[in-house]
Amino acid sequence: MIPQIKKILYTTDLVSEIIVKEGHPVEEILHSADTMGCDVIVLGTHGKGWLKHTFLGGVASSVLERTRKPVFIIPLPSEKSGIERDDSYK
């Protein structure tokens, strides 16, 4: 998935950076966004869980609740969609 995202980001006029960190996801996302002075946060979501987590996912939902920055949520393809995911960055 990372190569596809890079291709989209690097063929636009957007200033962007893909960051991979270890730790508590919500804390790392919020800390990175504040430290780097980001104007917007873009997250992918699997939509796992129940009720509100069904549509957003736990991390995405928590980030939305705790930031004042705009957040774009992008649903990631599931294994059932037939769209191949690239998890080679793990």
N, C-alpha and C. Protein backbone atom coordinates (compact mmCIF):
# COMPACT_ATOMS: atom_id res chain seq x y z
N MET A 1 0.83 -1.20 0.00
CA MET A 1 0.00 0.00 0.00
C MET A 1 0.87 1.26 0.00
N ILE A 2 1.99 1.26 0.69
CA ILE A 2 2.86 2.43 0.76
C ILE A 2 3.31 2.90 -0.63
N PRO A 3 3.75 2.00 -1.53
CA PRO A 3 4.16 2.48 -2.86
C PRO A 3 3.05 3.20 -3.61
N GLN A 4 1.81 2.72 -3.49
CA GLN A 4 0.69 3.38 -4.16
C GLN A 4 0.44 4.77 -3.57
N ILE A 5 0.53 4.87 -2.26
CA ILE A 5 0.33 6.17 -1.61
C ILE A 5 1.43 7.14 -2.03
N LYS A 6 2.68 6.67 -2.02
CA LYS A 6 3.79 7.53 -2.44
C LYS A 6 3.58 8.04 -3.86
N LYS A 7 3.13 7.17 -4.75
CA LYS A 7 2.92 7.56 -6.14
C LYS A 7 1.89 8.69 -6.23
N ILE A 8 0.81 8.57 -5.48
CA ILE A 8 -0.23 9.60 -5.49
C ILE A 8 0.31 10.91 -4.91
N LEU A 9 0.99 10.82 -3.77
CA LEU A 9 1.47 12.03 -3.10
C LEU A 9 2.55 12.74 -3.89
N TYR A 10 3.45 11.98 -4.48
CA TYR A 10 4.59 12.59 -5.17
C TYR A 10 4.26 13.07 -6.57
N THR A 11 3.06 12.79 -7.07
CA THR A 11 2.67 13.29 -8.39
C THR A 11 1.72 14.48 -8.27
N THR A 12 1.61 15.03 -7.06
CA THR A 12 0.78 16.21 -6.83
C THR A 12 1.66 17.33 -6.30
N ASP A 13 1.07 18.48 -6.09
CA ASP A 13 1.81 19.61 -5.52
C ASP A 13 1.76 19.62 -3.99
N LEU A 14 1.24 18.55 -3.40
CA LEU A 14 1.15 18.48 -1.95
C LEU A 14 2.52 18.28 -1.33
N VAL A 15 2.74 18.91 -0.20
CA VAL A 15 3.95 18.66 0.58
C VAL A 15 3.55 17.59 1.59
N SER A 16 4.16 16.43 1.48
CA SER A 16 3.75 15.31 2.32
C SER A 16 4.94 14.47 2.72
N GLU A 17 4.73 13.67 3.75
CA GLU A 17 5.76 12.76 4.21
C GLU A 17 5.08 11.55 4.84
N ILE A 18 5.57 10.37 4.54
CA ILE A 18 5.06 9.15 5.15
C ILE A 18 6.01 8.80 6.28
N ILE A 19 5.45 8.61 7.48
CA ILE A 19 6.25 8.33 8.66
C ILE A 19 5.79 7.01 9.25
N VAL A 20 6.74 6.16 9.61
CA VAL A 20 6.43 4.91 10.29
C VAL A 20 7.12 4.95 11.65
N LYS A 21 6.33 4.80 12.71
CA LYS A 21 6.87 4.85 14.07
C LYS A 21 6.32 3.68 14.87
N GLU A 22 7.01 3.37 15.95
CA GLU A 22 6.53 2.36 16.90
C GLU A 22 6.01 3.06 18.14
N GLY A 23 5.04 2.45 18.79
CA GLY A 23 4.49 3.02 20.01
C GLY A 23 2.97 2.96 19.98
N HIS A 24 2.35 3.70 20.88
CA HIS A 24 0.88 3.77 20.92
C HIS A 24 0.43 4.61 19.73
N PRO A 25 -0.34 4.04 18.81
CA PRO A 25 -0.65 4.73 17.55
C PRO A 25 -1.25 6.13 17.70
N VAL A 26 -2.24 6.27 18.55
CA VAL A 26 -2.90 7.57 18.69
C VAL A 26 -1.91 8.62 19.21
N GLU A 27 -1.16 8.26 20.25
CA GLU A 27 -0.18 9.19 20.81
C GLU A 27 0.88 9.57 19.79
N GLU A 28 1.38 8.59 19.04
CA GLU A 28 2.43 8.85 18.04
C GLU A 28 1.91 9.75 16.92
N ILE A 29 0.69 9.50 16.47
CA ILE A 29 0.10 10.31 15.39
C ILE A 29 -0.07 11.75 15.86
N LEU A 30 -0.66 11.94 17.03
CA LEU A 30 -0.91 13.29 17.53
C LEU A 30 0.40 14.02 17.82
N HIS A 31 1.36 13.33 18.42
CA HIS A 31 2.65 13.95 18.72
C HIS A 31 3.37 14.35 17.43
N SER A 32 3.40 13.46 16.46
CA SER A 32 4.06 13.75 15.18
C SER A 32 3.40 14.93 14.47
N ALA A 33 2.07 14.95 14.45
CA ALA A 33 1.35 16.03 13.78
C ALA A 33 1.65 17.38 14.43
N ASP A 34 1.72 17.40 15.76
CA ASP A 34 2.02 18.65 16.46
C ASP A 34 3.48 19.05 16.28
N THR A 35 4.39 18.10 16.45
CA THR A 35 5.82 18.38 16.35
C THR A 35 6.21 18.88 14.96
N MET A 36 5.61 18.29 13.94
CA MET A 36 5.96 18.64 12.56
C MET A 36 5.16 19.83 12.03
N GLY A 37 4.19 20.29 12.80
CA GLY A 37 3.39 21.43 12.36
C GLY A 37 2.47 21.09 11.20
N CYS A 38 1.94 19.89 11.20
CA CYS A 38 1.08 19.44 10.09
C CYS A 38 -0.22 20.25 10.04
N ASP A 39 -0.67 20.50 8.82
CA ASP A 39 -1.95 21.19 8.63
C ASP A 39 -3.12 20.23 8.64
N VAL A 40 -2.86 18.97 8.31
CA VAL A 40 -3.92 17.98 8.19
C VAL A 40 -3.34 16.60 8.52
N ILE A 41 -4.19 15.70 9.00
CA ILE A 41 -3.79 14.32 9.29
C ILE A 41 -4.57 13.42 8.34
N VAL A 42 -3.88 12.51 7.67
CA VAL A 42 -4.52 11.55 6.76
C VAL A 42 -4.30 10.16 7.31
N LEU A 43 -5.39 9.42 7.54
CA LEU A 43 -5.32 8.08 8.11
C LEU A 43 -6.05 7.07 7.24
N GLY A 44 -5.54 5.87 7.21
CA GLY A 44 -6.26 4.76 6.61
C GLY A 44 -6.96 4.00 7.72
N THR A 45 -8.07 3.37 7.42
CA THR A 45 -8.80 2.62 8.43
C THR A 45 -9.31 1.31 7.85
N HIS A 46 -9.27 0.29 8.69
CA HIS A 46 -9.82 -1.01 8.32
C HIS A 46 -11.28 -1.09 8.70
N GLY A 47 -11.73 -0.21 9.60
CA GLY A 47 -13.13 -0.21 10.04
C GLY A 47 -13.49 -1.42 10.87
N LYS A 48 -12.53 -1.98 11.62
CA LYS A 48 -12.81 -3.15 12.45
C LYS A 48 -13.46 -2.70 13.75
N GLY A 49 -14.29 -3.54 14.31
CA GLY A 49 -14.90 -3.21 15.58
C GLY A 49 -16.41 -3.14 15.48
N TRP A 50 -17.00 -2.50 16.46
CA TRP A 50 -18.45 -2.45 16.53
C TRP A 50 -18.94 -1.02 16.65
N LEU A 51 -20.08 -0.73 16.14
CA LEU A 51 -20.76 0.56 16.16
C LEU A 51 -19.86 1.67 15.61
N LYS A 52 -19.40 2.63 16.44
CA LYS A 52 -18.63 3.73 15.85
C LYS A 52 -17.32 3.24 15.28
N HIS A 53 -16.75 2.18 15.83
CA HIS A 53 -15.50 1.64 15.31
C HIS A 53 -15.73 0.91 13.99
N THR A 54 -16.97 0.54 13.71
CA THR A 54 -17.27 -0.16 12.46
C THR A 54 -16.94 0.72 11.26
N PHE A 55 -17.19 2.01 11.38
CA PHE A 55 -16.97 2.91 10.26
C PHE A 55 -15.60 3.57 10.29
N LEU A 56 -15.06 3.81 11.45
CA LEU A 56 -13.81 4.56 11.54
C LEU A 56 -12.62 3.75 12.00
N GLY A 57 -12.82 2.82 12.89
CA GLY A 57 -11.70 2.12 13.50
C GLY A 57 -11.31 2.82 14.79
N GLY A 58 -10.70 2.09 15.70
CA GLY A 58 -10.38 2.62 17.02
C GLY A 58 -9.38 3.76 16.96
N VAL A 59 -8.31 3.62 16.20
CA VAL A 59 -7.28 4.65 16.13
C VAL A 59 -7.83 5.91 15.47
N ALA A 60 -8.46 5.75 14.33
CA ALA A 60 -9.01 6.91 13.61
C ALA A 60 -10.03 7.65 14.48
N SER A 61 -10.88 6.91 15.15
CA SER A 61 -11.89 7.52 16.01
C SER A 61 -11.24 8.30 17.15
N SER A 62 -10.22 7.73 17.77
CA SER A 62 -9.54 8.41 18.87
C SER A 62 -8.79 9.66 18.40
N VAL A 63 -8.16 9.58 17.24
CA VAL A 63 -7.47 10.76 16.70
C VAL A 63 -8.48 11.87 16.43
N LEU A 64 -9.62 11.53 15.83
CA LEU A 64 -10.66 12.53 15.57
C LEU A 64 -11.13 13.20 16.85
N GLU A 65 -11.26 12.43 17.93
CA GLU A 65 -11.74 12.97 19.20
C GLU A 65 -10.73 13.88 19.88
N ARG A 66 -9.44 13.67 19.58
CA ARG A 66 -8.41 14.37 20.36
C ARG A 66 -7.65 15.46 19.61
N THR A 67 -7.96 15.72 18.36
CA THR A 67 -7.25 16.76 17.62
C THR A 67 -8.20 17.83 17.12
N ARG A 68 -7.64 19.00 16.90
CA ARG A 68 -8.42 20.09 16.30
C ARG A 68 -8.05 20.25 14.83
N LYS A 69 -7.08 19.47 14.37
CA LYS A 69 -6.66 19.53 12.97
C LYS A 69 -7.67 18.77 12.10
N PRO A 70 -7.80 19.15 10.83
CA PRO A 70 -8.64 18.37 9.93
C PRO A 70 -8.05 16.97 9.77
N VAL A 71 -8.94 15.97 9.73
CA VAL A 71 -8.50 14.57 9.58
C VAL A 71 -9.24 13.97 8.38
N PHE A 72 -8.46 13.43 7.44
CA PHE A 72 -9.03 12.71 6.31
C PHE A 72 -8.91 11.22 6.60
N ILE A 73 -10.03 10.50 6.51
CA ILE A 73 -10.05 9.06 6.77
C ILE A 73 -10.24 8.35 5.43
N ILE A 74 -9.31 7.45 5.11
CA ILE A 74 -9.36 6.72 3.84
C ILE A 74 -9.57 5.24 4.15
N PRO A 75 -10.69 4.66 3.71
CA PRO A 75 -10.89 3.23 3.96
C PRO A 75 -9.89 2.40 3.16
N LEU A 76 -9.25 1.45 3.84
CA LEU A 76 -8.30 0.57 3.18
C LEU A 76 -9.05 -0.64 2.62
N PRO A 77 -8.56 -1.20 1.52
CA PRO A 77 -9.25 -2.36 0.94
C PRO A 77 -9.13 -3.57 1.86
N SER A 78 -10.19 -4.36 1.89
CA SER A 78 -10.16 -5.59 2.68
C SER A 78 -9.69 -6.73 1.78
N GLU A 79 -9.38 -7.85 2.41
CA GLU A 79 -8.97 -9.02 1.64
C GLU A 79 -10.08 -9.49 0.71
N LYS A 80 -11.34 -9.23 1.09
CA LYS A 80 -12.49 -9.66 0.30
C LYS A 80 -12.70 -8.82 -0.95
N SER A 81 -12.07 -7.65 -1.03
CA SER A 81 -12.32 -6.73 -2.13
C SER A 81 -11.66 -7.16 -3.44
N GLY A 82 -10.65 -8.03 -3.32
CA GLY A 82 -9.93 -8.43 -4.51
C GLY A 82 -8.81 -7.47 -4.87
N ILE A 83 -8.68 -6.37 -4.12
CA ILE A 83 -7.61 -5.41 -4.35
C ILE A 83 -6.41 -5.88 -3.54
N GLU A 84 -5.28 -6.00 -4.21
CA GLU A 84 -4.09 -6.51 -3.55
C GLU A 84 -3.48 -5.43 -2.67
N ARG A 85 -3.20 -5.81 -1.42
CA ARG A 85 -2.55 -4.91 -0.47
C ARG A 85 -1.07 -5.21 -0.44
N ASP A 86 -0.27 -4.19 -0.28
CA ASP A 86 1.18 -4.34 -0.18
C ASP A 86 1.59 -4.06 1.25
N ASP A 87 1.86 -5.12 2.02
CA ASP A 87 2.28 -4.96 3.40
C ASP A 87 3.77 -5.19 3.56
N SER A 88 4.54 -4.99 2.51
CA SER A 88 5.97 -5.27 2.54
C SER A 88 6.74 -4.29 3.43
N TYR A 89 6.13 -3.17 3.78
CA TYR A 89 6.81 -2.18 4.61
C TYR A 89 6.89 -2.62 6.07
N LYS A 90 6.14 -3.66 6.47
CA LYS A 90 6.11 -4.12 7.87
C LYS A 90 7.41 -4.77 8.26
